[in-house]
Amino acid sequence: MRALESLSTVDWLALSAFLACWGGYTWFSEHSRWCCKGLIGHLHSYRQEWAYCMLERELRMSDAALIGNLMGSVSFYANTTIYIIAGLVAAMGAADQLLKFSADMTLGGAGSRELLEIKLMLVLASFVYGYFKFTWALRQFNLLSILIGAAPLGSRDDAQVERYARRVAGAHNLAGDDFNRGIRAYYFGLAASGWLLSPVVLGVLSLSILIVLYRRDYRSATLDVLRPEP
């Protein structure tokens, strides 16, 4: 609590902007009425179609290979996050050296040791959150592979096949959404590292990350490709 008292008004404003950008964009992209118009919403419909096509195929090696590729990507990020977390923990143990390094920076440096530890904890919390999302997504992809292995053979006109396709697509959507949340934690973790330089940098990076995420999810060429033909 004594360390929190060392935060200036500008620090609190920058931290509030960081949390508002992260939490606000998460709500906007996942729970608002505009969420289905972005990349996430369109991918949900494609996963549903993938589930239908998979159930109509007798040979599903390609589906298993695609799920394995997705699991490999999630596993890469989960492993990388462990190294980042270890580096941040080591940095907290070398706070005195970091203070000396940042003392000559024109942007103001990291401040006191207590303030530096708070700033590092924000970065650490961002990547720990991302690690939990990646590992949970990996487990859900494992469950998805089991659903594919147990999937019946049939057409989408069959009520049982229809229910199973929705189950497969639902599990796939949950895994993919958690993977997206982990990626989002990387983006905002980078923004949080700007606080080590200045609270102004934290605020500017938070707003910049917000704009980048919005443009990629709602204004990108990739989204134009995924949109169905009118």
Protein backbone atom coordinates (compact mmCIF):
# COMPACT_ATOMS: atom_id res chain seq x y z
CA MET A 1 0.00 0.00 0.00
CA ARG A 2 2.86 2.36 0.75
CA ALA A 3 4.26 1.70 -2.71
CA LEU A 4 0.92 2.60 -4.31
CA GLU A 5 1.09 5.98 -2.59
CA SER A 6 4.19 6.76 -4.64
CA LEU A 7 2.13 6.74 -7.84
CA SER A 8 1.53 10.21 -9.19
CA THR A 9 -1.70 11.47 -10.74
CA VAL A 10 -0.24 10.93 -14.21
CA ASP A 11 0.63 7.34 -13.26
CA TRP A 12 -2.94 6.66 -12.14
CA LEU A 13 -4.36 8.23 -15.30
CA ALA A 14 -2.06 6.17 -17.52
CA LEU A 15 -2.86 2.98 -15.60
CA SER A 16 -6.58 3.71 -15.86
CA ALA A 17 -6.21 4.24 -19.62
CA PHE A 18 -4.35 0.94 -19.91
CA LEU A 19 -7.03 -1.02 -18.04
CA ALA A 20 -9.86 0.78 -19.87
CA CYS A 21 -8.34 0.04 -23.28
CA TRP A 22 -7.76 -3.64 -22.50
CA GLY A 23 -11.03 -4.30 -20.71
CA GLY A 24 -13.06 -2.11 -23.05
CA TYR A 25 -11.76 -3.73 -26.20
CA THR A 26 -12.28 -7.20 -24.74
CA TRP A 27 -15.93 -6.36 -24.09
CA PHE A 28 -16.34 -4.70 -27.48
CA SER A 29 -14.86 -7.62 -29.45
CA GLU A 30 -16.56 -10.41 -27.48
CA HIS A 31 -19.84 -9.17 -25.98
CA SER A 32 -21.05 -6.07 -27.82
CA ARG A 33 -23.53 -6.14 -30.70
CA TRP A 34 -20.63 -5.43 -33.09
CA CYS A 35 -18.59 -8.47 -32.07
CA CYS A 36 -20.00 -10.71 -34.82
CA LYS A 37 -18.87 -8.24 -37.50
CA GLY A 38 -15.16 -8.71 -36.83
CA LEU A 39 -12.63 -11.47 -37.40
CA ILE A 40 -13.76 -13.38 -34.31
CA GLY A 41 -17.41 -13.47 -35.37
CA HIS A 42 -16.64 -14.56 -38.92
CA LEU A 43 -14.29 -17.28 -37.71
CA HIS A 44 -17.10 -18.68 -35.57
CA SER A 45 -19.21 -19.26 -38.66
CA TYR A 46 -16.30 -20.85 -40.55
CA ARG A 47 -15.64 -23.21 -37.65
CA GLN A 48 -19.27 -24.25 -37.75
CA GLU A 49 -18.97 -25.00 -41.47
CA TRP A 50 -15.72 -26.89 -40.83
CA ALA A 51 -17.55 -29.07 -38.30
CA TYR A 52 -20.26 -29.93 -40.84
CA CYS A 53 -17.71 -30.79 -43.53
CA MET A 54 -15.67 -32.89 -41.08
CA LEU A 55 -18.72 -34.97 -40.10
CA GLU A 56 -19.48 -35.66 -43.75
CA ARG A 57 -15.94 -36.96 -44.42
CA GLU A 58 -15.14 -40.58 -43.82
CA LEU A 59 -11.38 -39.92 -43.71
CA ARG A 60 -10.42 -37.19 -41.27
CA MET A 61 -6.64 -37.15 -41.34
CA SER A 62 -6.64 -33.61 -42.72
CA ASP A 63 -8.83 -32.40 -39.84
CA ALA A 64 -6.53 -34.03 -37.29
CA ALA A 65 -3.50 -32.44 -38.99
CA LEU A 66 -5.10 -29.00 -38.92
CA ILE A 67 -5.94 -29.30 -35.22
CA GLY A 68 -2.37 -30.44 -34.57
CA ASN A 69 -1.09 -27.35 -36.37
CA LEU A 70 -3.29 -25.11 -34.22
CA MET A 71 -2.09 -26.86 -31.07
CA GLY A 72 1.51 -26.33 -32.16
CA SER A 73 0.94 -22.58 -32.47
CA VAL A 74 -0.67 -22.36 -29.03
CA SER A 75 2.08 -24.48 -27.50
CA PHE A 76 4.74 -22.19 -28.99
CA TYR A 77 3.19 -19.12 -27.36
CA ALA A 78 2.72 -20.91 -24.03
CA ASN A 79 6.38 -21.97 -23.97
CA THR A 80 7.57 -18.51 -25.01
CA THR A 81 5.49 -16.89 -22.27
CA ILE A 82 7.23 -19.01 -19.64
CA TYR A 83 10.59 -17.54 -20.70
CA ILE A 84 9.19 -14.02 -20.63
CA ILE A 85 7.80 -14.55 -17.13
CA ALA A 86 11.14 -15.96 -15.96
CA GLY A 87 12.93 -12.92 -17.38
CA LEU A 88 10.55 -10.53 -15.64
CA VAL A 89 10.99 -12.31 -12.31
CA ALA A 90 14.76 -12.05 -12.76
CA ALA A 91 14.38 -8.34 -13.59
CA MET A 92 12.51 -7.78 -10.32
CA GLY A 93 15.46 -9.32 -8.52
CA ALA A 94 17.82 -6.91 -10.28
CA ALA A 95 15.74 -3.79 -9.62
CA ASP A 96 18.72 -1.76 -8.37
CA GLN A 97 20.64 -2.28 -11.62
CA LEU A 98 17.56 -1.34 -13.64
CA LEU A 99 17.16 1.86 -11.64
CA LYS A 100 20.75 2.84 -12.42
CA PHE A 101 20.20 2.04 -16.08
CA SER A 102 17.03 4.14 -16.32
CA ALA A 103 18.29 7.06 -14.24
CA ASP A 104 19.84 8.82 -17.24
CA MET A 105 16.84 8.41 -19.54
CA THR A 106 15.31 11.65 -20.74
CA LEU A 107 11.75 10.30 -20.29
CA GLY A 108 12.12 10.16 -16.53
CA GLY A 109 13.18 6.60 -15.84
CA ALA A 110 11.50 4.07 -13.61
CA GLY A 111 11.45 6.15 -10.40
CA SER A 112 12.00 4.52 -7.01
CA ARG A 113 12.54 0.82 -6.40
CA GLU A 114 8.98 0.41 -5.12
CA LEU A 115 7.58 2.15 -8.18
CA LEU A 116 9.76 0.05 -10.47
CA GLU A 117 8.46 -3.13 -8.87
CA ILE A 118 4.85 -2.02 -9.40
CA LYS A 119 5.59 -1.34 -13.06
CA LEU A 120 7.26 -4.70 -13.52
CA MET A 121 4.37 -6.43 -11.77
CA LEU A 122 1.94 -4.92 -14.29
CA VAL A 123 3.99 -6.35 -17.15
CA LEU A 124 4.32 -9.65 -15.30
CA ALA A 125 0.57 -9.84 -14.62
CA SER A 126 -0.15 -9.27 -18.32
CA PHE A 127 2.01 -12.19 -19.41
CA VAL A 128 0.86 -14.46 -16.57
CA TYR A 129 -2.71 -13.82 -17.73
CA GLY A 130 -1.62 -14.68 -21.27
CA TYR A 131 0.05 -17.89 -20.08
CA PHE A 132 -3.13 -19.08 -18.37
CA LYS A 133 -5.14 -18.33 -21.52
CA PHE A 134 -2.68 -20.17 -23.78
CA THR A 135 -2.54 -23.26 -21.59
CA TRP A 136 -6.33 -23.36 -21.24
CA ALA A 137 -6.67 -22.97 -25.02
CA LEU A 138 -4.20 -25.83 -25.48
CA ARG A 139 -6.23 -28.07 -23.19
CA GLN A 140 -9.42 -27.19 -25.06
CA PHE A 141 -7.76 -28.05 -28.38
CA ASN A 142 -6.87 -31.42 -26.86
CA LEU A 143 -10.53 -31.92 -25.97
CA LEU A 144 -11.46 -30.85 -29.49
CA SER A 145 -9.22 -33.54 -30.96
CA ILE A 146 -11.09 -36.11 -28.84
CA LEU A 147 -14.42 -34.81 -30.16
CA ILE A 148 -13.14 -35.18 -33.71
CA GLY A 149 -12.00 -38.73 -32.99
CA ALA A 150 -15.42 -39.65 -31.60
CA ALA A 151 -17.40 -37.83 -34.29
CA PRO A 152 -20.12 -39.80 -36.10
CA LEU A 153 -20.45 -39.95 -39.88
CA GLY A 154 -23.47 -38.28 -41.44
CA SER A 155 -24.92 -35.27 -43.22
CA ARG A 156 -26.05 -31.99 -41.74
CA ASP A 157 -29.69 -32.96 -42.36
CA ASP A 158 -29.43 -35.49 -39.51
CA ALA A 159 -30.51 -33.97 -36.17
CA GLN A 160 -27.85 -35.93 -34.26
CA VAL A 161 -25.13 -34.77 -36.64
CA GLU A 162 -26.42 -31.20 -36.34
CA ARG A 163 -26.10 -31.30 -32.54
CA TYR A 164 -22.64 -32.85 -32.69
CA ALA A 165 -21.44 -30.28 -35.23
CA ARG A 166 -22.53 -27.50 -32.89
CA ARG A 167 -20.70 -29.19 -30.04
CA VAL A 168 -17.49 -29.46 -32.07
CA ALA A 169 -17.75 -25.88 -33.32
CA GLY A 170 -18.51 -24.65 -29.81
CA ALA A 171 -15.41 -26.31 -28.36
CA HIS A 172 -13.36 -24.94 -31.24
CA ASN A 173 -14.70 -21.42 -30.69
CA LEU A 174 -13.90 -21.54 -26.98
CA ALA A 175 -10.33 -22.68 -27.65
CA GLY A 176 -9.83 -20.09 -30.37
CA ASP A 177 -11.25 -17.28 -28.24
CA ASP A 178 -8.88 -18.09 -25.37
CA PHE A 179 -5.99 -18.12 -27.82
CA ASN A 180 -7.07 -14.65 -29.01
CA ARG A 181 -7.16 -13.44 -25.40
CA GLY A 182 -3.61 -14.69 -24.91
CA ILE A 183 -2.45 -12.84 -28.04
CA ARG A 184 -4.22 -9.71 -26.78
CA ALA A 185 -2.31 -10.06 -23.48
CA TYR A 186 0.94 -9.98 -25.49
CA TYR A 187 -0.08 -6.72 -27.14
CA PHE A 188 -1.03 -5.03 -23.90
CA GLY A 189 1.96 -6.55 -22.13
CA LEU A 190 4.11 -4.61 -24.57
CA ALA A 191 2.10 -1.49 -23.77
CA ALA A 192 2.61 -2.11 -20.03
CA SER A 193 6.38 -2.20 -20.56
CA GLY A 194 6.17 1.43 -21.72
CA TRP A 195 5.41 2.41 -18.12
CA LEU A 196 9.05 1.64 -17.34
CA LEU A 197 9.93 4.68 -19.42
CA SER A 198 7.11 7.06 -18.56
CA PRO A 199 3.40 7.02 -17.68
CA VAL A 200 2.83 9.06 -20.83
CA VAL A 201 4.38 6.26 -22.88
CA LEU A 202 2.08 3.77 -21.15
CA GLY A 203 -0.98 5.82 -22.08
CA VAL A 204 0.14 6.42 -25.66
CA LEU A 205 1.01 2.75 -26.21
CA SER A 206 -2.30 1.61 -24.72
CA LEU A 207 -4.24 3.79 -27.14
CA SER A 208 -1.97 2.72 -30.02
CA ILE A 209 -2.53 -0.97 -29.25
CA LEU A 210 -6.28 -0.33 -29.09
CA ILE A 211 -6.21 1.23 -32.56
CA VAL A 212 -4.04 -1.56 -33.98
CA LEU A 213 -6.33 -4.29 -32.63
CA TYR A 214 -9.44 -2.54 -33.91
CA ARG A 215 -7.97 -2.05 -37.39
CA ARG A 216 -6.88 -5.68 -37.60
CA ASP A 217 -10.17 -7.09 -36.34
CA TYR A 218 -12.61 -4.74 -38.08
CA ARG A 219 -10.83 -2.86 -40.87
CA SER A 220 -8.24 -5.28 -42.25
CA ALA A 221 -7.86 -6.84 -45.69
CA THR A 222 -8.05 -10.24 -43.99
CA LEU A 223 -11.57 -9.45 -42.81
CA ASP A 224 -12.54 -8.43 -46.35
CA VAL A 225 -11.42 -11.86 -47.56
CA LEU A 226 -13.41 -13.69 -44.86
CA ARG A 227 -16.64 -11.78 -45.42
CA PRO A 228 -19.14 -13.88 -47.37
CA GLU A 229 -20.15 -12.70 -50.83
CA PRO A 230 -23.29 -10.49 -50.79
